[in-house]
Protein backbone atom coordinates (compact mmCIF):
# COMPACT_ATOMS: atom_id res chain seq x y z
CA MET A 1 190.67 95.56 102.54
CA THR A 2 188.95 92.17 102.36
CA ALA A 3 185.78 93.56 103.94
CA LEU A 4 185.69 96.44 101.44
CA TYR A 5 186.29 94.04 98.55
CA LYS A 6 183.37 91.85 99.68
CA LYS A 7 181.17 94.94 100.07
CA GLU A 8 181.98 96.09 96.52
CA LEU A 9 181.32 92.63 95.14
CA SER A 10 178.02 92.35 97.01
CA VAL A 11 176.88 95.62 95.43
CA PHE A 12 177.34 94.09 91.98
CA PHE A 13 175.27 91.03 92.80
CA SER A 14 172.68 92.57 95.11
CA THR A 15 171.61 94.82 92.25
CA ILE A 16 171.06 94.19 88.55
CA ILE A 17 174.57 95.46 87.64
CA GLY A 18 176.50 92.19 87.96
CA PRO A 19 174.04 89.81 86.28
CA LEU A 20 173.33 92.40 83.56
CA ILE A 21 177.02 92.90 82.67
CA ILE A 22 177.66 89.15 82.56
CA SER A 23 174.53 88.56 80.47
CA VAL A 24 175.34 91.35 78.01
CA PHE A 25 178.91 90.09 77.50
CA LEU A 26 177.79 86.51 76.90
CA LEU A 27 174.83 87.55 74.73
CA ILE A 28 176.96 89.76 72.46
CA ASN A 29 179.62 87.06 72.10
CA GLY A 30 176.97 84.41 71.55
CA LEU A 31 175.30 86.38 68.77
CA LEU A 32 178.57 87.33 67.11
CA LEU A 33 180.26 83.94 67.30
CA TRP A 34 177.48 81.37 67.09
CA SER A 35 174.60 83.04 65.26
CA ASP A 36 174.05 83.19 61.50
CA VAL A 37 173.19 86.90 61.83
CA SER A 38 176.91 87.61 62.21
CA GLN A 39 179.72 87.50 59.68
CA PHE A 40 182.02 86.32 62.50
CA ASN A 41 180.02 83.09 62.93
CA ILE A 42 182.46 80.31 63.88
CA LEU A 43 180.16 77.57 62.54
CA GLU A 44 180.25 79.01 59.02
CA ASN A 45 183.95 79.77 59.10
CA GLY A 46 186.21 77.49 57.11
CA TYR A 47 188.56 77.12 60.08
CA ALA A 48 187.32 76.51 63.63
CA SER A 49 189.33 78.73 65.96
CA MET A 50 188.97 81.15 68.88
CA GLU A 51 190.71 83.99 67.07
CA THR A 52 187.45 85.88 66.47
CA PHE A 53 186.51 85.72 70.15
CA PHE A 54 189.86 87.12 71.27
CA THR A 55 189.69 89.86 68.65
CA LEU A 56 186.17 90.98 69.54
CA SER A 57 186.30 90.63 73.36
CA PRO A 58 188.69 93.58 73.95
CA LEU A 59 186.38 95.79 71.87
CA ILE A 60 183.37 94.67 73.91
CA PHE A 61 185.29 95.21 77.16
CA LEU A 62 186.13 98.75 76.02
CA PHE A 63 182.52 99.58 76.85
CA LEU A 64 181.51 96.98 79.45
CA ILE A 65 184.40 97.48 81.88
CA PRO A 66 183.88 101.27 82.10
CA ALA A 67 180.19 100.51 82.73
CA ILE A 68 181.19 98.30 85.68
CA SER A 69 183.81 100.62 87.16
CA MET A 70 182.18 104.03 86.58
CA ARG A 71 180.46 103.99 89.99
CA SER A 72 183.40 102.59 92.00
CA VAL A 73 184.75 105.90 93.34
CA SER A 74 182.11 108.32 92.04
CA ASP A 75 179.52 106.76 94.35
CA GLU A 76 181.76 107.38 97.35
CA TYR A 77 182.10 111.06 96.36
CA ASN A 78 178.34 111.48 95.91
CA ALA A 79 177.51 109.69 99.16
CA GLY A 80 180.21 111.58 101.06
CA THR A 81 181.72 108.34 102.33
CA MET A 82 185.18 108.68 100.79
CA GLU A 83 186.38 110.91 103.64
CA THR A 84 185.14 108.32 106.13
CA LEU A 85 186.93 105.51 104.31
CA ILE A 86 190.19 107.45 104.23
CA THR A 87 190.09 107.98 108.01
CA LYS A 88 189.79 104.25 108.65
CA PRO A 89 192.94 102.15 109.37
CA ILE A 90 193.37 101.26 105.72
CA SER A 91 195.52 102.99 103.12
CA THR A 92 193.98 104.83 100.16
CA LEU A 93 195.79 102.45 97.81
CA HIS A 94 194.13 99.50 99.55
CA ILE A 95 190.73 101.17 99.12
CA ILE A 96 191.39 101.63 95.41
CA THR A 97 192.76 98.10 95.07
CA SER A 98 189.67 96.55 96.68
CA LYS A 99 187.44 98.37 94.18
CA PHE A 100 189.70 97.30 91.32
CA LEU A 101 189.70 93.65 92.45
CA ALA A 102 185.90 93.62 92.77
CA THR A 103 185.62 94.93 89.20
CA LEU A 104 188.17 92.40 87.93
CA THR A 105 186.35 89.57 89.73
CA LEU A 106 183.12 90.40 87.90
CA ILE A 107 185.02 90.39 84.59
CA ILE A 108 186.57 86.98 85.38
CA ILE A 109 183.11 85.59 86.21
CA SER A 110 181.96 86.92 82.82
CA ILE A 111 184.83 85.17 81.03
CA ILE A 112 184.53 81.75 82.75
CA PRO A 113 181.42 80.58 80.81
CA THR A 114 183.30 81.19 77.54
CA PHE A 115 185.52 78.20 78.38
CA LEU A 116 182.71 76.25 76.71
CA TYR A 117 183.73 77.79 73.37
CA PRO A 118 187.08 75.99 72.97
CA ILE A 119 185.50 72.77 74.28
CA THR A 120 182.83 73.06 71.59
CA ILE A 121 185.37 73.86 68.89
CA TYR A 122 187.46 70.89 70.06
CA PHE A 123 184.63 68.55 69.07
CA ILE A 124 183.14 70.29 66.02
CA GLY A 125 186.40 70.65 64.09
CA GLU A 126 186.98 68.46 61.04
CA SER A 127 189.60 66.63 63.11
CA THR A 128 188.56 66.21 66.75
CA GLY A 129 191.10 67.82 69.04
CA ASN A 130 192.73 69.91 66.31
CA LEU A 131 193.04 72.98 68.50
CA ASP A 132 195.84 75.40 69.30
CA ALA A 133 195.70 74.91 73.08
CA ALA A 134 198.81 77.03 73.77
CA GLY A 135 197.44 79.91 71.72
CA ILE A 136 194.05 79.75 73.47
CA LEU A 137 195.63 79.61 76.94
CA GLY A 138 197.91 82.54 76.10
CA SER A 139 194.97 84.49 74.69
CA TYR A 140 192.90 83.93 77.85
CA ILE A 141 195.80 85.12 80.01
CA GLY A 142 196.24 88.09 77.67
CA LEU A 143 192.52 88.90 77.89
CA LEU A 144 192.70 88.77 81.68
CA MET A 145 195.76 91.05 81.69
CA LEU A 146 194.09 93.46 79.27
CA SER A 147 190.98 93.46 81.47
CA SER A 148 193.10 94.36 84.50
CA ILE A 149 194.40 97.48 82.74
CA PHE A 150 190.89 98.46 81.58
CA ALA A 151 189.60 97.95 85.14
CA SER A 152 192.37 100.10 86.65
CA ILE A 153 191.70 102.80 84.05
CA GLY A 154 187.99 102.60 84.88
CA VAL A 155 188.66 103.10 88.60
CA PHE A 156 191.02 105.97 87.75
CA ALA A 157 188.37 107.65 85.56
CA SER A 158 185.84 107.21 88.36
CA SER A 159 188.21 108.90 90.82
CA LEU A 160 188.38 111.98 88.59
CA ASN A 161 184.71 112.94 88.71
CA LYS A 162 181.52 112.60 90.75
CA ASN A 163 179.50 112.13 87.57
CA GLN A 164 179.33 108.48 86.58
CA ILE A 165 178.53 109.23 82.93
CA ILE A 166 181.62 111.42 82.62
CA ALA A 167 183.68 108.70 84.33
CA PHE A 168 182.24 106.16 81.85
CA ILE A 169 183.15 108.28 78.82
CA LEU A 170 186.63 109.09 80.16
CA ALA A 171 187.34 105.40 80.79
CA ILE A 172 186.32 104.52 77.22
CA ILE A 173 188.52 107.27 75.77
CA ILE A 174 191.61 106.40 77.84
CA SER A 175 191.21 102.63 77.40
CA GLY A 176 190.56 103.06 73.67
CA PHE A 177 193.63 105.21 73.27
CA PHE A 178 195.89 102.73 75.05
CA TYR A 179 194.43 99.80 73.13
CA LEU A 180 194.24 101.32 69.63
CA GLY A 181 195.73 104.80 69.77
CA PHE A 182 199.43 103.94 69.87
CA ASP A 183 199.06 101.62 66.87
CA LEU A 184 197.49 104.48 64.92
CA LEU A 185 200.21 106.90 66.04
CA SER A 186 202.92 104.48 64.90
CA GLU A 187 201.47 104.59 61.36
CA ILE A 188 202.00 108.36 61.07
CA GLN A 189 204.91 109.16 58.76
CA LEU A 190 206.45 111.56 61.28
CA PHE A 191 206.94 108.71 63.79
CA GLN A 192 208.12 105.99 61.39
CA SER A 193 211.71 106.04 62.68
CA PHE A 194 210.60 104.83 66.12
CA ASN A 195 207.21 103.27 65.36
CA ILE A 196 208.03 100.01 67.20
CA ILE A 197 208.73 101.91 70.42
CA ILE A 198 205.37 103.67 70.11
CA LYS A 199 203.57 100.38 69.47
CA LYS A 200 205.14 98.83 72.56
CA ILE A 201 203.58 101.54 74.73
CA GLY A 202 200.13 100.38 73.64
CA ILE A 203 198.18 97.39 74.95
CA SER A 204 197.48 95.83 71.55
CA TYR A 205 201.14 95.03 70.82
CA HIS A 206 201.55 92.93 73.98
CA TYR A 207 198.08 91.40 73.74
CA LYS A 208 198.74 90.13 70.20
CA ILE A 209 201.97 88.43 71.33
CA MET A 210 200.13 86.62 74.13
CA SER A 211 197.39 85.61 71.66
CA LYS A 212 200.02 83.56 69.84
CA GLY A 213 200.68 81.55 72.99
CA LEU A 214 203.92 83.37 73.81
CA LEU A 215 204.00 84.30 77.50
CA LEU A 216 206.99 86.62 77.72
CA VAL A 217 208.06 88.14 81.03
CA SER A 218 208.30 91.57 79.37
CA ASP A 219 204.62 91.46 78.36
CA ILE A 220 203.46 90.33 81.81
CA VAL A 221 205.56 93.08 83.43
CA TYR A 222 204.00 95.62 81.04
CA PHE A 223 200.43 94.65 81.99
CA LEU A 224 201.13 94.56 85.72
CA SER A 225 203.04 97.86 85.60
CA MET A 226 200.30 99.68 83.67
CA THR A 227 197.66 98.34 86.04
CA PHE A 228 199.60 99.48 89.10
CA LEU A 229 200.33 102.86 87.47
CA PHE A 230 196.64 103.71 87.03
CA LEU A 231 195.80 102.48 90.53
CA LYS A 232 198.54 104.76 91.84
CA PHE A 233 197.15 107.65 89.79
CA SER A 234 193.76 107.01 91.43
CA GLU A 235 195.33 107.14 94.88
CA ILE A 236 197.02 110.46 94.07
CA ILE A 237 193.76 111.97 92.77
CA ILE A 238 191.81 110.95 95.88
CA LEU A 239 194.49 112.23 98.26
CA ASN A 240 194.68 115.56 96.41
CA ARG A 241 190.91 116.02 96.66
CA ARG A 242 191.28 116.12 100.44
CA HIS A 243 193.26 119.34 100.27
């Protein structure tokens, strides 16, 4: 599994894919958060905080993570190498997991440079050091957990089809539904009697709790369970394609 993980990661950085994804993420955030062309500009905001970053990043990842993961399994189908991989002494779930971990690693590398944001805010605030450190830490953990679900959904979407564009669109739709869809469903009058239950199925509910600096076991279990669920779905799809 380690060898496959390294191979997947090398593909990202031996081509333009990895650097491009990292650059696009940082460029979009830079323009939105630090440029006067954006209404989300932190420098012109009356209160220096990271709230805008953690609100916008999931929306950016809705498109960037599917772009990273769309080739993960589709390429194997097109190259005819999936059958060869399956026959090797490694389980299908391990194959899927290695592709998922390579995708997640690229996302983490994209996030790391943004650690400069809270450091900058720490010093530019009216009172130096007036920063909600617990909230920022919880939000970063929440963003990582959210990214893990998006990555697993992306790999799942890629396992469904040989066409990378279709996999890309499917990943956006599924990720978007799990991030925003359940909140919208909970607002429908028909579901008002159990709207909280519906909200808890969605990613946004748990992500918002973590953004407040509250690291509850239930939220962590939710993110890990959803990630594993979509990886398992990917395994089932690949195994069924053999028959």
